[in-house]
C-alpha cells in the first residue's frame, strides 16, 4: 500500500520536529481534495431543497469560472497580432 502513488503523494513528513509546518501542509492537502468542505457540509442536516439550490449554484459557478478563464486566456495570449501597428 505504501508504494501506491496517491498514498505516497499524500504523505506528510515532519522534518526537524516542526509539527506546525507539517500540519499546515496537511490542511492544504485536505483542502485541495475537498475533504474539509465535505466534513463541514455533513456536520448538519441539509434539506433537499437547499441541497438542490447549492448544487445548482456550484454548477453555475463552475461554468462561469471556466468561461471567464477561457476569455482571460484568449485576451492574454501572446500570439495575437498588434491591432495598432505604427502607433
PDB file of N, CA and C in Angstrom:
ATOM      1  N   UNK A   1       0.818  -1.194   0.000  1.00  0.00           N
ATOM      2  CA  UNK A   1       0.000   0.000   0.000  1.00  0.00           C
ATOM      3  C   UNK A   1       0.858   1.252   0.000  1.00  0.00           C
ATOM      4  N   UNK A   2       1.986   1.233   0.678  1.00  0.00           N
ATOM      5  CA  UNK A   2       2.835   2.420   0.765  1.00  0.00           C
ATOM      6  C   UNK A   2       3.442   2.776  -0.583  1.00  0.00           C
ATOM      7  N   UNK A   3       3.518   1.835  -1.495  1.00  0.00           N
ATOM      8  CA  UNK A   3       4.076   2.119  -2.806  1.00  0.00           C
ATOM      9  C   UNK A   3       3.049   2.701  -3.764  1.00  0.00           C
ATOM     10  N   UNK A   4       1.784   2.762  -3.341  1.00  0.00           N
ATOM     11  CA  UNK A   4       0.749   3.327  -4.181  1.00  0.00           C
ATOM     12  C   UNK A   4       1.030   4.821  -4.369  1.00  0.00           C
ATOM     13  N   UNK A   5       0.962   5.311  -5.619  1.00  0.00           N
ATOM     14  CA  UNK A   5       1.369   6.674  -5.943  1.00  0.00           C
ATOM     15  C   UNK A   5       0.555   7.720  -5.189  1.00  0.00           C
ATOM     16  N   UNK A   6      -0.756   7.534  -5.107  1.00  0.00           N
ATOM     17  CA  UNK A   6      -1.587   8.535  -4.421  1.00  0.00           C
ATOM     18  C   UNK A   6      -1.275   8.563  -2.929  1.00  0.00           C
ATOM     19  N   UNK A   7      -0.991   7.392  -2.337  1.00  0.00           N
ATOM     20  CA  UNK A   7      -0.652   7.349  -0.924  1.00  0.00           C
ATOM     21  C   UNK A   7       0.676   8.045  -0.671  1.00  0.00           C
ATOM     22  N   UNK A   8       1.657   7.802  -1.504  1.00  0.00           N
ATOM     23  CA  UNK A   8       2.971   8.418  -1.335  1.00  0.00           C
ATOM     24  C   UNK A   8       2.876   9.920  -1.571  1.00  0.00           C
ATOM     25  N   UNK A   9       2.053  10.334  -2.555  1.00  0.00           N
ATOM     26  CA  UNK A   9       1.902  11.753  -2.850  1.00  0.00           C
ATOM     27  C   UNK A   9       1.178  12.513  -1.765  1.00  0.00           C
ATOM     28  N   UNK A  10       0.435  11.816  -0.928  1.00  0.00           N
ATOM     29  CA  UNK A  10      -0.341  12.467   0.129  1.00  0.00           C
ATOM     30  C   UNK A  10       0.230  12.189   1.506  1.00  0.00           C
ATOM     31  N   UNK A  11       1.489  11.825   1.602  1.00  0.00           N
ATOM     32  CA  UNK A  11       2.131  11.572   2.878  1.00  0.00           C
ATOM     33  C   UNK A  11       2.805  12.856   3.356  1.00  0.00           C
ATOM     34  N   UNK A  12       2.568  13.216   4.602  1.00  0.00           N
ATOM     35  CA  UNK A  12       3.164  14.427   5.172  1.00  0.00           C
ATOM     36  C   UNK A  12       4.260  14.000   6.139  1.00  0.00           C
ATOM     37  N   UNK A  13       5.455  14.474   5.900  1.00  0.00           N
ATOM     38  CA  UNK A  13       6.589  14.134   6.746  1.00  0.00           C
ATOM     39  C   UNK A  13       6.880  15.311   7.680  1.00  0.00           C
ATOM     40  N   UNK A  14       7.152  15.019   8.935  1.00  0.00           N
ATOM     41  CA  UNK A  14       7.544  16.033   9.912  1.00  0.00           C
ATOM     42  C   UNK A  14       9.063  16.116   9.895  1.00  0.00           C
ATOM     43  N   UNK A  15       9.572  17.293   9.560  1.00  0.00           N
ATOM     44  CA  UNK A  15      11.015  17.476   9.457  1.00  0.00           C
ATOM     45  C   UNK A  15      11.516  18.305  10.627  1.00  0.00           C
ATOM     46  N   UNK A  16      12.560  17.839  11.275  1.00  0.00           N
ATOM     47  CA  UNK A  16      13.204  18.539  12.391  1.00  0.00           C
ATOM     48  C   UNK A  16      12.228  18.846  13.526  1.00  0.00           C
ATOM     49  N   UNK A  17      11.234  18.013  13.705  1.00  0.00           N
ATOM     50  CA  UNK A  17      10.280  18.217  14.784  1.00  0.00           C
ATOM     51  C   UNK A  17       9.339  19.388  14.571  1.00  0.00           C
ATOM     52  N   UNK A  18       9.246  19.922  13.333  1.00  0.00           N
ATOM     53  CA  UNK A  18       8.405  21.072  13.040  1.00  0.00           C
ATOM     54  C   UNK A  18       6.997  20.586  12.695  1.00  0.00           C
ATOM     55  N   UNK A  19       6.195  20.385  13.739  1.00  0.00           N
ATOM     56  CA  UNK A  19       4.855  19.845  13.566  1.00  0.00           C
ATOM     57  C   UNK A  19       3.922  20.889  12.958  1.00  0.00           C
ATOM     58  N   UNK A  20       4.117  22.158  13.272  1.00  0.00           N
ATOM     59  CA  UNK A  20       3.239  23.212  12.765  1.00  0.00           C
ATOM     60  C   UNK A  20       3.290  23.296  11.244  1.00  0.00           C
ATOM     61  N   UNK A  21       4.484  23.212  10.668  1.00  0.00           N
ATOM     62  CA  UNK A  21       4.613  23.260   9.211  1.00  0.00           C
ATOM     63  C   UNK A  21       3.968  22.032   8.574  1.00  0.00           C
ATOM     64  N   UNK A  22       4.150  20.872   9.178  1.00  0.00           N
ATOM     65  CA  UNK A  22       3.541  19.651   8.650  1.00  0.00           C
ATOM     66  C   UNK A  22       2.023  19.727   8.747  1.00  0.00           C
ATOM     67  N   UNK A  23       1.521  20.319   9.817  1.00  0.00           N
ATOM     68  CA  UNK A  23       0.079  20.482   9.979  1.00  0.00           C
ATOM     69  C   UNK A  23      -0.477  21.415   8.908  1.00  0.00           C
ATOM     70  N   UNK A  24       0.246  22.465   8.588  1.00  0.00           N
ATOM     71  CA  UNK A  24      -0.168  23.376   7.515  1.00  0.00           C
ATOM     72  C   UNK A  24      -0.205  22.681   6.164  1.00  0.00           C
ATOM     73  N   UNK A  25       0.794  21.843   5.898  1.00  0.00           N
ATOM     74  CA  UNK A  25       0.826  21.089   4.644  1.00  0.00           C
ATOM     75  C   UNK A  25      -0.353  20.125   4.583  1.00  0.00           C
ATOM     76  N   UNK A  26      -0.636  19.458   5.694  1.00  0.00           N
ATOM     77  CA  UNK A  26      -1.766  18.529   5.747  1.00  0.00           C
ATOM     78  C   UNK A  26      -3.080  19.254   5.502  1.00  0.00           C
ATOM     79  N   UNK A  27      -3.274  20.399   6.115  1.00  0.00           N
ATOM     80  CA  UNK A  27      -4.501  21.170   5.907  1.00  0.00           C
ATOM     81  C   UNK A  27      -4.642  21.595   4.456  1.00  0.00           C
ATOM     82  N   UNK A  28      -3.557  21.999   3.821  1.00  0.00           N
ATOM     83  CA  UNK A  28      -3.582  22.409   2.417  1.00  0.00           C
ATOM     84  C   UNK A  28      -3.960  21.222   1.522  1.00  0.00           C
ATOM     85  N   UNK A  29      -3.412  20.044   1.801  1.00  0.00           N
ATOM     86  CA  UNK A  29      -3.724  18.845   1.019  1.00  0.00           C
ATOM     87  C   UNK A  29      -5.196  18.475   1.182  1.00  0.00           C
ATOM     88  N   UNK A  30      -5.695  18.502   2.413  1.00  0.00           N
ATOM     89  CA  UNK A  30      -7.094  18.166   2.658  1.00  0.00           C
ATOM     90  C   UNK A  30      -8.034  19.170   2.000  1.00  0.00           C
ATOM     91  N   UNK A  31      -7.663  20.441   1.988  1.00  0.00           N
ATOM     92  CA  UNK A  31      -8.493  21.453   1.344  1.00  0.00           C
ATOM     93  C   UNK A  31      -8.519  21.243  -0.167  1.00  0.00           C
ATOM     94  N   UNK A  32      -7.392  20.887  -0.770  1.00  0.00           N
ATOM     95  CA  UNK A  32      -7.342  20.648  -2.210  1.00  0.00           C
ATOM     96  C   UNK A  32      -8.184  19.441  -2.593  1.00  0.00           C
ATOM     97  N   UNK A  33      -8.210  18.428  -1.754  1.00  0.00           N
ATOM     98  CA  UNK A  33      -9.003  17.232  -2.033  1.00  0.00           C
ATOM     99  C   UNK A  33     -10.479  17.430  -1.717  1.00  0.00           C
ATOM    100  N   UNK A  34     -10.820  18.506  -1.029  1.00  0.00           N
ATOM    101  CA  UNK A  34     -12.214  18.778  -0.700  1.00  0.00           C
ATOM    102  C   UNK A  34     -12.716  18.054   0.525  1.00  0.00           C
ATOM    103  N   UNK A  35     -11.807  17.508   1.307  1.00  0.00           N
ATOM    104  CA  UNK A  35     -12.209  16.749   2.494  1.00  0.00           C
ATOM    105  C   UNK A  35     -12.784  17.678   3.549  1.00  0.00           C
ATOM    106  N   UNK A  36     -12.143  18.802   3.776  1.00  0.00           N
ATOM    107  CA  UNK A  36     -12.612  19.720   4.819  1.00  0.00           C
ATOM    108  C   UNK A  36     -13.995  20.270   4.479  1.00  0.00           C
ATOM    109  N   UNK A  37     -14.229  20.578   3.210  1.00  0.00           N
ATOM    110  CA  UNK A  37     -15.539  21.096   2.804  1.00  0.00           C
ATOM    111  C   UNK A  37     -16.617  20.026   2.972  1.00  0.00           C
ATOM    112  N   UNK A  38     -16.290  18.773   2.645  1.00  0.00           N
ATOM    113  CA  UNK A  38     -17.264  17.684   2.799  1.00  0.00           C
ATOM    114  C   UNK A  38     -17.598  17.462   4.268  1.00  0.00           C
ATOM    115  N   UNK A  39     -16.604  17.535   5.135  1.00  0.00           N
ATOM    116  CA  UNK A  39     -16.851  17.364   6.572  1.00  0.00           C
ATOM    117  C   UNK A  39     -17.698  18.511   7.096  1.00  0.00           C
ATOM    118  N   UNK A  40     -17.411  19.715   6.647  1.00  0.00           N
ATOM    119  CA  UNK A  40     -18.170  20.879   7.093  1.00  0.00           C
ATOM    120  C   UNK A  40     -19.625  20.792   6.641  1.00  0.00           C
ATOM    121  N   UNK A  41     -19.854  20.303   5.419  1.00  0.00           N
ATOM    122  CA  UNK A  41     -21.227  20.198   4.914  1.00  0.00           C
ATOM    123  C   UNK A  41     -21.998  19.075   5.590  1.00  0.00           C
ATOM    124  N   UNK A  42     -21.314  17.996   5.948  1.00  0.00           N
ATOM    125  CA  UNK A  42     -22.024  16.866   6.544  1.00  0.00           C
ATOM    126  C   UNK A  42     -22.202  17.014   8.051  1.00  0.00           C
ATOM    127  N   UNK A  43     -21.767  18.115   8.603  1.00  0.00           N
ATOM    128  CA  UNK A  43     -21.889  18.317  10.038  1.00  0.00           C
ATOM    129  C   UNK A  43     -23.349  18.481  10.460  1.00  0.00           C
ATOM    130  N   UNK A  44     -24.146  19.152   9.627  1.00  0.00           N
ATOM    131  CA  UNK A  44     -25.552  19.377   9.923  1.00  0.00           C
ATOM    132  C   UNK A  44     -26.407  18.847   8.777  1.00  0.00           C
ATOM    133  N   UNK A  45     -27.654  18.581   9.071  1.00  0.00           N
ATOM    134  CA  UNK A  45     -28.582  18.107   8.050  1.00  0.00           C
ATOM    135  C   UNK A  45     -28.868  19.237   7.075  1.00  0.00           C
ATOM    136  N   UNK A  46     -28.866  18.894   5.794  1.00  0.00           N
ATOM    137  CA  UNK A  46     -29.187  19.872   4.758  1.00  0.00           C
ATOM    138  C   UNK A  46     -30.481  19.434   4.088  1.00  0.00           C
ATOM    139  N   UNK A  47     -31.454  20.319   4.084  1.00  0.00           N
ATOM    140  CA  UNK A  47     -32.726  19.985   3.475  1.00  0.00           C
ATOM    141  C   UNK A  47     -32.527  19.721   1.984  1.00  0.00           C
ATOM    142  N   UNK A  48     -33.319  18.838   1.405  1.00  0.00           N
ATOM    143  CA  UNK A  48     -33.149  18.508  -0.012  1.00  0.00           C
ATOM    144  C   UNK A  48     -33.270  19.713  -0.941  1.00  0.00           C
ATOM    145  N   UNK A  49     -34.176  20.633  -0.622  1.00  0.00           N
ATOM    146  CA  UNK A  49     -34.323  21.817  -1.474  1.00  0.00           C
ATOM    147  C   UNK A  49     -33.078  22.696  -1.403  1.00  0.00           C
ATOM    148  N   UNK A  50     -32.488  22.838  -0.212  1.00  0.00           N
ATOM    149  CA  UNK A  50     -31.253  23.618  -0.070  1.00  0.00           C
ATOM    150  C   UNK A  50     -30.094  22.927  -0.779  1.00  0.00           C
ATOM    151  N   UNK A  51     -30.078  21.585  -0.721  1.00  0.00           N
ATOM    152  CA  UNK A  51     -29.015  20.838  -1.396  1.00  0.00           C
ATOM    153  C   UNK A  51     -29.110  21.024  -2.903  1.00  0.00           C
ATOM    154  N   UNK A  52     -30.327  21.008  -3.450  1.00  0.00           N
ATOM    155  CA  UNK A  52     -30.503  21.238  -4.890  1.00  0.00           C
ATOM    156  C   UNK A  52     -30.052  22.636  -5.274  1.00  0.00           C
ATOM    157  N   UNK A  53     -30.420  23.631  -4.459  1.00  0.00           N
ATOM    158  CA  UNK A  53     -30.007  25.010  -4.750  1.00  0.00           C
ATOM    159  C   UNK A  53     -28.495  25.153  -4.691  1.00  0.00           C
ATOM    160  N   UNK A  54     -27.873  24.509  -3.700  1.00  0.00           N
ATOM    161  CA  UNK A  54     -26.418  24.584  -3.568  1.00  0.00           C
ATOM    162  C   UNK A  54     -25.724  23.924  -4.750  1.00  0.00           C
ATOM    163  N   UNK A  55     -26.215  22.731  -5.144  1.00  0.00           N
ATOM    164  CA  UNK A  55     -25.605  22.032  -6.286  1.00  0.00           C
ATOM    165  C   UNK A  55     -25.779  22.828  -7.569  1.00  0.00           C
ATOM    166  N   UNK A  56     -26.951  23.450  -7.758  1.00  0.00           N
ATOM    167  CA  UNK A  56     -27.180  24.275  -8.950  1.00  0.00           C
ATOM    168  C   UNK A  56     -26.257  25.489  -8.949  1.00  0.00           C
ATOM    169  N   UNK A  57     -26.096  26.115  -7.786  1.00  0.00           N
ATOM    170  CA  UNK A  57     -25.198  27.259  -7.677  1.00  0.00           C
ATOM    171  C   UNK A  57     -23.760  26.858  -7.983  1.00  0.00           C
ATOM    172  N   UNK A  58     -23.318  25.721  -7.442  1.00  0.00           N
ATOM    173  CA  UNK A  58     -21.954  25.265  -7.693  1.00  0.00           C
ATOM    174  C   UNK A  58     -21.738  24.949  -9.167  1.00  0.00           C
ATOM    175  N   UNK A  59     -22.754  24.372  -9.820  1.00  0.00           N
ATOM    176  CA  UNK A  59     -22.636  24.079 -11.249  1.00  0.00           C
ATOM    177  C   UNK A  59     -22.540  25.371 -12.053  1.00  0.00           C
ATOM    178  N   UNK A  60     -23.377  26.354 -11.724  1.00  0.00           N
ATOM    179  CA  UNK A  60     -23.326  27.642 -12.411  1.00  0.00           C
ATOM    180  C   UNK A  60     -21.980  28.320 -12.193  1.00  0.00           C
ATOM    181  N   UNK A  61     -21.472  28.218 -10.987  1.00  0.00           N
ATOM    182  CA  UNK A  61     -20.183  28.838 -10.685  1.00  0.00           C
ATOM    183  C   UNK A  61     -19.054  28.173 -11.461  1.00  0.00           C
ATOM    184  N   UNK A  62     -19.100  26.831 -11.575  1.00  0.00           N
ATOM    185  CA  UNK A  62     -18.084  26.129 -12.368  1.00  0.00           C
ATOM    186  C   UNK A  62     -18.112  26.574 -13.817  1.00  0.00           C
ATOM    187  N   UNK A  63     -19.327  26.694 -14.393  1.00  0.00           N
ATOM    188  CA  UNK A  63     -19.461  27.123 -15.789  1.00  0.00           C
ATOM    189  C   UNK A  63     -18.950  28.548 -15.950  1.00  0.00           C
ATOM    190  N   UNK A  64     -19.340  29.430 -15.029  1.00  0.00           N
ATOM    191  CA  UNK A  64     -18.917  30.827 -15.100  1.00  0.00           C
ATOM    192  C   UNK A  64     -17.400  30.950 -14.999  1.00  0.00           C
ATOM    193  N   UNK A  65     -16.803  30.243 -14.034  1.00  0.00           N
ATOM    194  CA  UNK A  65     -15.351  30.330 -13.852  1.00  0.00           C
ATOM    195  C   UNK A  65     -14.607  29.766 -15.052  1.00  0.00           C
ATOM    196  N   UNK A  66     -15.109  28.693 -15.634  1.00  0.00           N
ATOM    197  CA  UNK A  66     -14.471  28.121 -16.814  1.00  0.00           C
ATOM    198  C   UNK A  66     -14.557  29.084 -17.992  1.00  0.00           C
ATOM    199  N   UNK A  67     -15.702  29.725 -18.162  1.00  0.00           N
ATOM    200  CA  UNK A  67     -15.870  30.681 -19.261  1.00  0.00           C
ATOM    201  C   UNK A  67     -14.970  31.903 -19.059  1.00  0.00           C
ATOM    202  N   UNK A  68     -14.890  32.404 -17.834  1.00  0.00           N
ATOM    203  CA  UNK A  68     -14.022  33.552 -17.575  1.00  0.00           C
ATOM    204  C   UNK A  68     -12.555  33.194 -17.775  1.00  0.00           C
ATOM    205  N   UNK A  69     -12.152  31.999 -17.368  1.00  0.00           N
ATOM    206  CA  UNK A  69     -10.773  31.565 -17.589  1.00  0.00           C
ATOM    207  C   UNK A  69     -10.482  31.462 -19.072  1.00  0.00           C
ATOM    208  N   UNK A  70     -11.458  30.968 -19.855  1.00  0.00           N
ATOM    209  CA  UNK A  70     -11.273  30.885 -21.305  1.00  0.00           C
ATOM    210  C   UNK A  70     -11.135  32.269 -21.928  1.00  0.00           C
ATOM    211  N   UNK A  71     -11.953  33.222 -21.477  1.00  0.00           N
ATOM    212  CA  UNK A  71     -11.887  34.585 -22.018  1.00  0.00           C
ATOM    213  C   UNK A  71     -10.575  35.269 -21.636  1.00  0.00           C
ATOM    214  N   UNK A  72     -10.143  35.087 -20.405  1.00  0.00           N
ATOM    215  CA  UNK A  72      -8.882  35.696 -19.964  1.00  0.00           C
ATOM    216  C   UNK A  72      -7.721  35.112 -20.736  1.00  0.00           C
ATOM    217  N   UNK A  73      -7.736  33.803 -20.960  1.00  0.00           N
ATOM    218  CA  UNK A  73      -6.669  33.171 -21.744  1.00  0.00           C
ATOM    219  C   UNK A  73      -6.687  33.691 -23.178  1.00  0.00           C
ATOM    220  N   UNK A  74      -7.886  33.945 -23.729  1.00  0.00           N
ATOM    221  CA  UNK A  74      -7.984  34.472 -25.084  1.00  0.00           C
ATOM    222  C   UNK A  74      -7.386  35.867 -25.178  1.00  0.00           C
ATOM    223  N   UNK A  75      -7.702  36.713 -24.213  1.00  0.00           N
ATOM    224  CA  UNK A  75      -7.206  38.096 -24.235  1.00  0.00           C
ATOM    225  C   UNK A  75      -5.712  38.138 -23.926  1.00  0.00           C
ATOM    226  N   UNK A  76      -5.247  37.270 -23.043  1.00  0.00           N
ATOM    227  CA  UNK A  76      -3.861  37.324 -22.595  1.00  0.00           C
ATOM    228  C   UNK A  76      -2.906  36.525 -23.472  1.00  0.00           C
ATOM    229  N   UNK A  77      -3.398  35.926 -24.545  1.00  0.00           N
ATOM    230  CA  UNK A  77      -2.494  35.119 -25.370  1.00  0.00           C
ATOM    231  C   UNK A  77      -1.448  36.017 -26.021  1.00  0.00           C
ATOM    232  N   UNK A  78      -0.278  35.482 -26.215  1.00  0.00           N
ATOM    233  CA  UNK A  78       0.838  36.289 -26.729  1.00  0.00           C
ATOM    234  C   UNK A  78       1.010  36.151 -28.228  1.00  0.00           C
ATOM    235  N   UNK A  79       0.276  35.268 -28.883  1.00  0.00           N
ATOM    236  CA  UNK A  79       0.476  35.045 -30.309  1.00  0.00           C
ATOM    237  C   UNK A  79      -0.382  35.943 -31.187  1.00  0.00           C
ATOM    238  N   UNK A  80      -1.192  36.828 -30.582  1.00  0.00           N
ATOM    239  CA  UNK A  80      -2.055  37.672 -31.414  1.00  0.00           C
ATOM    240  C   UNK A  80      -1.277  38.850 -31.972  1.00  0.00           C
ATOM    241  N   UNK A  81      -1.740  39.363 -33.101  1.00  0.00           N
ATOM    242  CA  UNK A  81      -1.086  40.481 -33.735  1.00  0.00           C
ATOM    243  C   UNK A  81      -1.491  41.790 -33.057  1.00  0.00           C
ATOM    244  N   UNK A  82      -0.595  42.773 -33.146  1.00  0.00           N
ATOM    245  CA  UNK A  82      -0.885  44.067 -32.568  1.00  0.00           C
ATOM    246  C   UNK A  82      -1.903  44.785 -33.451  1.00  0.00           C
ATOM    247  N   UNK A  83      -3.067  45.198 -32.929  1.00  0.00           N
ATOM    248  CA  UNK A  83      -4.076  45.844 -33.789  1.00  0.00           C
ATOM    249  C   UNK A  83      -3.698  47.260 -34.191  1.00  0.00           C
ATOM    250  N   UNK A  84      -2.797  47.900 -33.475  1.00  0.00           N
ATOM    251  CA  UNK A  84      -2.406  49.284 -33.786  1.00  0.00           C
ATOM    252  C   UNK A  84      -0.947  49.339 -34.167  1.00  0.00           C
ATOM    253  N   UNK A  85      -0.647  48.839 -35.342  1.00  0.00           N
ATOM    254  CA  UNK A  85       0.743  48.880 -35.807  1.00  0.00           C
ATOM    255  C   UNK A  85       1.137  50.307 -36.139  1.00  0.00           C
ATOM    256  N   UNK A  86       2.314  50.709 -35.738  1.00  0.00           N
ATOM    257  CA  UNK A  86       2.839  52.040 -36.066  1.00  0.00           C
ATOM    258  C   UNK A  86       2.349  53.140 -35.161  1.00  0.00           C
ATOM    259  N   UNK A  87       1.637  52.846 -34.108  1.00  0.00           N
ATOM    260  CA  UNK A  87       1.156  53.899 -33.205  1.00  0.00           C
ATOM    261  C   UNK A  87       2.154  54.136 -32.107  1.00  0.00           C
TER     262      UNK A  87
END
